[in-house]
PDB file of N, CA and C in Angstrom:
ATOM      1  N   MET A   1       0.846  -1.177   0.000  1.00  0.00           N
ATOM      2  CA  MET A   1       0.000   0.000   0.000  1.00  0.00           C
ATOM      3  C   MET A   1       0.890   1.238   0.000  1.00  0.00           C
ATOM      4  N   ALA A   2       0.653   2.151  -0.919  1.00  0.00           N
ATOM      5  CA  ALA A   2       1.467   3.358  -1.043  1.00  0.00           C
ATOM      6  C   ALA A   2       1.092   4.375   0.022  1.00  0.00           C
ATOM      7  N   ARG A   3       2.100   5.084   0.531  1.00  0.00           N
ATOM      8  CA  ARG A   3       1.862   6.126   1.536  1.00  0.00           C
ATOM      9  C   ARG A   3       1.797   7.477   0.853  1.00  0.00           C
ATOM     10  N   ARG A   4       0.980   8.333   1.432  1.00  0.00           N
ATOM     11  CA  ARG A   4       0.937   9.706   0.944  1.00  0.00           C
ATOM     12  C   ARG A   4       2.180  10.439   1.429  1.00  0.00           C
ATOM     13  N   ASN A   5       2.693  11.313   0.620  1.00  0.00           N
ATOM     14  CA  ASN A   5       3.870  12.085   1.014  1.00  0.00           C
ATOM     15  C   ASN A   5       3.507  13.390   1.692  1.00  0.00           C
ATOM     16  N   ARG A   6       2.244  13.754   1.684  1.00  0.00           N
ATOM     17  CA  ARG A   6       1.862  15.008   2.316  1.00  0.00           C
ATOM     18  C   ARG A   6       1.084  14.717   3.585  1.00  0.00           C
ATOM     19  N   GLY A   7       1.219  15.609   4.540  1.00  0.00           N
ATOM     20  CA  GLY A   7       0.503  15.443   5.793  1.00  0.00           C
ATOM     21  C   GLY A   7      -0.891  16.026   5.690  1.00  0.00           C
ATOM     22  N   VAL A   8      -1.675  15.760   6.705  1.00  0.00           N
ATOM     23  CA  VAL A   8      -3.031  16.276   6.743  1.00  0.00           C
ATOM     24  C   VAL A   8      -3.024  17.765   7.087  1.00  0.00           C
ATOM     25  N   MET A   9      -2.136  18.153   8.014  1.00  0.00           N
ATOM     26  CA  MET A   9      -2.035  19.553   8.408  1.00  0.00           C
ATOM     27  C   MET A   9      -0.843  20.196   7.713  1.00  0.00           C
ATOM     28  N   SER A  10      -1.010  21.453   7.329  1.00  0.00           N
ATOM     29  CA  SER A  10       0.106  22.164   6.725  1.00  0.00           C
ATOM     30  C   SER A  10       1.158  22.462   7.792  1.00  0.00           C
ATOM     31  N   GLU A  11       2.378  22.667   7.366  1.00  0.00           N
ATOM     32  CA  GLU A  11       3.447  23.014   8.299  1.00  0.00           C
ATOM     33  C   GLU A  11       3.130  24.317   9.017  1.00  0.00           C
ATOM     34  N   ASN A  12       2.544  25.274   8.292  1.00  0.00           N
ATOM     35  CA  ASN A  12       2.197  26.552   8.922  1.00  0.00           C
ATOM     36  C   ASN A  12       1.196  26.352  10.054  1.00  0.00           C
ATOM     37  N   LEU A  13       0.194  25.510   9.845  1.00  0.00           N
ATOM     38  CA  LEU A  13      -0.796  25.250  10.888  1.00  0.00           C
ATOM     39  C   LEU A  13      -0.147  24.556  12.080  1.00  0.00           C
ATOM     40  N   LYS A  14       0.734  23.588  11.826  1.00  0.00           N
ATOM     41  CA  LYS A  14       1.414  22.904  12.924  1.00  0.00           C
ATOM     42  C   LYS A  14       2.193  23.887  13.789  1.00  0.00           C
ATOM     43  N   TYR A  15       2.935  24.782  13.146  1.00  0.00           N
ATOM     44  CA  TYR A  15       3.729  25.747  13.909  1.00  0.00           C
ATOM     45  C   TYR A  15       2.843  26.759  14.630  1.00  0.00           C
ATOM     46  N   GLU A  16       1.735  27.143  14.017  1.00  0.00           N
ATOM     47  CA  GLU A  16       0.788  28.048  14.678  1.00  0.00           C
ATOM     48  C   GLU A  16       0.244  27.399  15.951  1.00  0.00           C
ATOM     49  N   LEU A  17      -0.141  26.142  15.859  1.00  0.00           N
ATOM     50  CA  LEU A  17      -0.651  25.421  17.014  1.00  0.00           C
ATOM     51  C   LEU A  17       0.441  25.228  18.066  1.00  0.00           C
ATOM     52  N   ALA A  18       1.651  24.951  17.623  1.00  0.00           N
ATOM     53  CA  ALA A  18       2.770  24.783  18.560  1.00  0.00           C
ATOM     54  C   ALA A  18       3.031  26.083  19.318  1.00  0.00           C
ATOM     55  N   ARG A  19       2.917  27.212  18.629  1.00  0.00           N
ATOM     56  CA  ARG A  19       3.084  28.510  19.312  1.00  0.00           C
ATOM     57  C   ARG A  19       1.988  28.700  20.356  1.00  0.00           C
ATOM     58  N   GLU A  20       0.754  28.352  20.008  1.00  0.00           N
ATOM     59  CA  GLU A  20      -0.355  28.490  20.953  1.00  0.00           C
ATOM     60  C   GLU A  20      -0.145  27.641  22.193  1.00  0.00           C
ATOM     61  N   LEU A  21       0.445  26.459  22.027  1.00  0.00           N
ATOM     62  CA  LEU A  21       0.667  25.559  23.160  1.00  0.00           C
ATOM     63  C   LEU A  21       1.984  25.831  23.885  1.00  0.00           C
ATOM     64  N   GLY A  22       2.811  26.696  23.312  1.00  0.00           N
ATOM     65  CA  GLY A  22       4.080  27.017  23.953  1.00  0.00           C
ATOM     66  C   GLY A  22       5.178  25.998  23.725  1.00  0.00           C
ATOM     67  N   VAL A  23       5.072  25.201  22.677  1.00  0.00           N
ATOM     68  CA  VAL A  23       6.112  24.214  22.391  1.00  0.00           C
ATOM     69  C   VAL A  23       6.886  24.534  21.112  1.00  0.00           C
ATOM     70  N   ALA A  24       6.668  25.706  20.561  1.00  0.00           N
ATOM     71  CA  ALA A  24       7.335  26.070  19.303  1.00  0.00           C
ATOM     72  C   ALA A  24       8.857  26.126  19.465  1.00  0.00           C
ATOM     73  N   ASP A  25       9.340  26.585  20.625  1.00  0.00           N
ATOM     74  CA  ASP A  25      10.784  26.635  20.853  1.00  0.00           C
ATOM     75  C   ASP A  25      11.389  25.239  20.856  1.00  0.00           C
ATOM     76  N   THR A  26      10.701  24.305  21.477  1.00  0.00           N
ATOM     77  CA  THR A  26      11.173  22.917  21.504  1.00  0.00           C
ATOM     78  C   THR A  26      11.232  22.352  20.089  1.00  0.00           C
ATOM     79  N   VAL A  27      10.197  22.621  19.307  1.00  0.00           N
ATOM     80  CA  VAL A  27      10.167  22.143  17.924  1.00  0.00           C
ATOM     81  C   VAL A  27      11.314  22.745  17.124  1.00  0.00           C
ATOM     82  N   ALA A  28      11.540  24.050  17.297  1.00  0.00           N
ATOM     83  CA  ALA A  28      12.604  24.720  16.553  1.00  0.00           C
ATOM     84  C   ALA A  28      13.983  24.172  16.933  1.00  0.00           C
ATOM     85  N   ARG A  29      14.191  23.898  18.222  1.00  0.00           N
ATOM     86  CA  ARG A  29      15.499  23.426  18.697  1.00  0.00           C
ATOM     87  C   ARG A  29      15.731  21.948  18.414  1.00  0.00           C
ATOM     88  N   GLU A  30      14.703  21.127  18.691  1.00  0.00           N
ATOM     89  CA  GLU A  30      14.914  19.688  18.721  1.00  0.00           C
ATOM     90  C   GLU A  30      14.059  18.897  17.735  1.00  0.00           C
ATOM     91  N   GLY A  31      13.102  19.531  17.101  1.00  0.00           N
ATOM     92  CA  GLY A  31      12.247  18.849  16.142  1.00  0.00           C
ATOM     93  C   GLY A  31      10.970  18.335  16.779  1.00  0.00           C
ATOM     94  N   TRP A  32      10.068  17.849  15.934  1.00  0.00           N
ATOM     95  CA  TRP A  32       8.760  17.388  16.391  1.00  0.00           C
ATOM     96  C   TRP A  32       8.861  16.156  17.277  1.00  0.00           C
ATOM     97  N   GLY A  33       9.910  15.361  17.110  1.00  0.00           N
ATOM     98  CA  GLY A  33      10.074  14.153  17.911  1.00  0.00           C
ATOM     99  C   GLY A  33      10.276  14.425  19.387  1.00  0.00           C
ATOM    100  N   SER A  34      10.635  15.651  19.726  1.00  0.00           N
ATOM    101  CA  SER A  34      10.866  16.012  21.128  1.00  0.00           C
ATOM    102  C   SER A  34       9.614  16.510  21.829  1.00  0.00           C
ATOM    103  N   VAL A  35       8.530  16.647  21.102  1.00  0.00           N
ATOM    104  CA  VAL A  35       7.275  17.105  21.703  1.00  0.00           C
ATOM    105  C   VAL A  35       6.620  15.907  22.384  1.00  0.00           C
ATOM    106  N   SER A  36       6.180  16.106  23.619  1.00  0.00           N
ATOM    107  CA  SER A  36       5.602  14.993  24.381  1.00  0.00           C
ATOM    108  C   SER A  36       4.313  14.492  23.723  1.00  0.00           C
ATOM    109  N   SER A  37       3.972  13.273  24.047  1.00  0.00           N
ATOM    110  CA  SER A  37       2.733  12.685  23.526  1.00  0.00           C
ATOM    111  C   SER A  37       1.532  13.512  23.945  1.00  0.00           C
ATOM    112  N   ARG A  38       1.549  13.977  25.182  1.00  0.00           N
ATOM    113  CA  ARG A  38       0.445  14.793  25.683  1.00  0.00           C
ATOM    114  C   ARG A  38       0.294  16.058  24.833  1.00  0.00           C
ATOM    115  N   ASN A  39       1.408  16.733  24.555  1.00  0.00           N
ATOM    116  CA  ASN A  39       1.333  17.948  23.750  1.00  0.00           C
ATOM    117  C   ASN A  39       0.957  17.653  22.302  1.00  0.00           C
ATOM    118  N   CYS A  40       1.375  16.516  21.778  1.00  0.00           N
ATOM    119  CA  CYS A  40       0.942  16.130  20.427  1.00  0.00           C
ATOM    120  C   CYS A  40      -0.574  15.941  20.404  1.00  0.00           C
ATOM    121  N   GLY A  41      -1.096  15.298  21.440  1.00  0.00           N
ATOM    122  CA  GLY A  41      -2.545  15.140  21.545  1.00  0.00           C
ATOM    123  C   GLY A  41      -3.242  16.479  21.648  1.00  0.00           C
ATOM    124  N   ASN A  42      -2.638  17.408  22.399  1.00  0.00           N
ATOM    125  CA  ASN A  42      -3.212  18.749  22.506  1.00  0.00           C
ATOM    126  C   ASN A  42      -3.172  19.486  21.173  1.00  0.00           C
ATOM    127  N   LEU A  43      -2.125  19.261  20.381  1.00  0.00           N
ATOM    128  CA  LEU A  43      -2.053  19.856  19.037  1.00  0.00           C
ATOM    129  C   LEU A  43      -3.208  19.356  18.178  1.00  0.00           C
ATOM    130  N   VAL A  44      -3.459  18.063  18.250  1.00  0.00           N
ATOM    131  CA  VAL A  44      -4.556  17.470  17.476  1.00  0.00           C
ATOM    132  C   VAL A  44      -5.897  18.038  17.944  1.00  0.00           C
ATOM    133  N   ARG A  45      -6.068  18.125  19.269  1.00  0.00           N
ATOM    134  CA  ARG A  45      -7.318  18.670  19.823  1.00  0.00           C
ATOM    135  C   ARG A  45      -7.549  20.093  19.342  1.00  0.00           C
ATOM    136  N   LEU A  46      -6.499  20.926  19.375  1.00  0.00           N
ATOM    137  CA  LEU A  46      -6.629  22.302  18.898  1.00  0.00           C
ATOM    138  C   LEU A  46      -6.972  22.350  17.411  1.00  0.00           C
ATOM    139  N   ALA A  47      -6.336  21.481  16.628  1.00  0.00           N
ATOM    140  CA  ALA A  47      -6.616  21.444  15.194  1.00  0.00           C
ATOM    141  C   ALA A  47      -8.070  21.077  14.932  1.00  0.00           C
ATOM    142  N   ILE A  48      -8.578  20.118  15.686  1.00  0.00           N
ATOM    143  CA  ILE A  48      -9.977  19.707  15.526  1.00  0.00           C
ATOM    144  C   ILE A  48     -10.914  20.842  15.919  1.00  0.00           C
ATOM    145  N   GLU A  49     -10.610  21.517  17.027  1.00  0.00           N
ATOM    146  CA  GLU A  49     -11.442  22.644  17.465  1.00  0.00           C
ATOM    147  C   GLU A  49     -11.482  23.742  16.404  1.00  0.00           C
ATOM    148  N   LYS A  50     -10.314  24.051  15.823  1.00  0.00           N
ATOM    149  CA  LYS A  50     -10.261  25.081  14.782  1.00  0.00           C
ATOM    150  C   LYS A  50     -11.058  24.658  13.555  1.00  0.00           C
ATOM    151  N   ALA A  51     -10.949  23.393  13.171  1.00  0.00           N
ATOM    152  CA  ALA A  51     -11.680  22.897  12.005  1.00  0.00           C
ATOM    153  C   ALA A  51     -13.187  22.933  12.251  1.00  0.00           C
ATOM    154  N   GLU A  52     -13.615  22.523  13.446  1.00  0.00           N
ATOM    155  CA  GLU A  52     -15.041  22.553  13.767  1.00  0.00           C
ATOM    156  C   GLU A  52     -15.578  23.978  13.777  1.00  0.00           C
ATOM    157  N   LYS A  53     -14.802  24.896  14.317  1.00  0.00           N
ATOM    158  CA  LYS A  53     -15.218  26.297  14.351  1.00  0.00           C
ATOM    159  C   LYS A  53     -15.340  26.858  12.933  1.00  0.00           C
ATOM    160  N   ALA A  54     -14.353  26.552  12.088  1.00  0.00           N
ATOM    161  CA  ALA A  54     -14.387  27.033  10.708  1.00  0.00           C
ATOM    162  C   ALA A  54     -15.586  26.456   9.959  1.00  0.00           C
ATOM    163  N   MET A  55     -15.884  25.181  10.208  1.00  0.00           N
ATOM    164  CA  MET A  55     -17.028  24.564   9.547  1.00  0.00           C
ATOM    165  C   MET A  55     -18.336  25.196  10.014  1.00  0.00           C
ATOM    166  N   ALA A  56     -18.446  25.465  11.311  1.00  0.00           N
ATOM    167  CA  ALA A  56     -19.655  26.079  11.848  1.00  0.00           C
ATOM    168  C   ALA A  56     -19.841  27.487  11.283  1.00  0.00           C
ATOM    169  N   GLU A  57     -18.739  28.233  11.201  1.00  0.00           N
ATOM    170  CA  GLU A  57     -18.817  29.582  10.639  1.00  0.00           C
ATOM    171  C   GLU A  57     -19.217  29.542   9.171  1.00  0.00           C
ATOM    172  N   ASP A  58     -18.640  28.605   8.435  1.00  0.00           N
ATOM    173  CA  ASP A  58     -18.969  28.475   7.019  1.00  0.00           C
ATOM    174  C   ASP A  58     -20.436  28.087   6.837  1.00  0.00           C
ATOM    175  N   TYR A  59     -20.904  27.164   7.651  1.00  0.00           N
ATOM    176  CA  TYR A  59     -22.298  26.718   7.580  1.00  0.00           C
ATOM    177  C   TYR A  59     -23.242  27.880   7.900  1.00  0.00           C
ATOM    178  N   ALA A  60     -22.930  28.610   8.960  1.00  0.00           N
ATOM    179  CA  ALA A  60     -23.775  29.750   9.351  1.00  0.00           C
ATOM    180  C   ALA A  60     -23.771  30.816   8.264  1.00  0.00           C
ATOM    181  N   ARG A  61     -22.619  31.035   7.661  1.00  0.00           N
ATOM    182  CA  ARG A  61     -22.506  32.051   6.611  1.00  0.00           C
ATOM    183  C   ARG A  61     -23.342  31.664   5.390  1.00  0.00           C
ATOM    184  N   THR A  62     -23.331  30.385   5.032  1.00  0.00           N
ATOM    185  CA  THR A  62     -24.094  29.959   3.861  1.00  0.00           C
ATOM    186  C   THR A  62     -25.588  29.952   4.142  1.00  0.00           C
ATOM    187  N   ARG A  63     -25.964  29.808   5.408  1.00  0.00           N
ATOM    188  CA  ARG A  63     -27.378  29.800   5.783  1.00  0.00           C
ATOM    189  C   ARG A  63     -27.867  31.200   6.160  1.00  0.00           C
ATOM    190  N   GLY A  64     -26.940  32.153   6.270  1.00  0.00           N
ATOM    191  CA  GLY A  64     -27.305  33.496   6.639  1.00  0.00           C
ATOM    192  C   GLY A  64     -27.727  33.639   8.081  1.00  0.00           C
ATOM    193  N   GLU A  65     -27.191  32.745   8.939  1.00  0.00           N
ATOM    194  CA  GLU A  65     -27.543  32.768  10.355  1.00  0.00           C
ATOM    195  C   GLU A  65     -26.437  33.435  11.150  1.00  0.00           C
ATOM    196  N   PRO A  66     -26.783  34.092  12.252  1.00  0.00           N
ATOM    197  CA  PRO A  66     -25.740  34.667  13.106  1.00  0.00           C
ATOM    198  C   PRO A  66     -24.987  33.557  13.842  1.00  0.00           C
ATOM    199  N   LEU A  67     -23.727  33.805  14.127  1.00  0.00           N
ATOM    200  CA  LEU A  67     -22.925  32.829  14.865  1.00  0.00           C
ATOM    201  C   LEU A  67     -23.263  32.894  16.344  1.00  0.00           C
ATOM    202  N   LYS A  68     -23.169  31.755  16.993  1.00  0.00           N
ATOM    203  CA  LYS A  68     -23.444  31.677  18.430  1.00  0.00           C
ATOM    204  C   LYS A  68     -22.179  31.834  19.216  1.00  0.00           C
TER     205      LYS A  68
END
């Protein structure tokens, strides 16, 4: 089975999330492998929250409804 060469999240989004969690310095110094499992999970959680928010905003915009 062939693997995809691209990730699901862009590098820019990963670094943005890392800055929000305060692990961007660790990533810059030591790479993504040095980020703890807990913080990796938090990165995923933040990415999901951002995606859900964007989807809700897009849905509300197409329906002409105010955001909650």
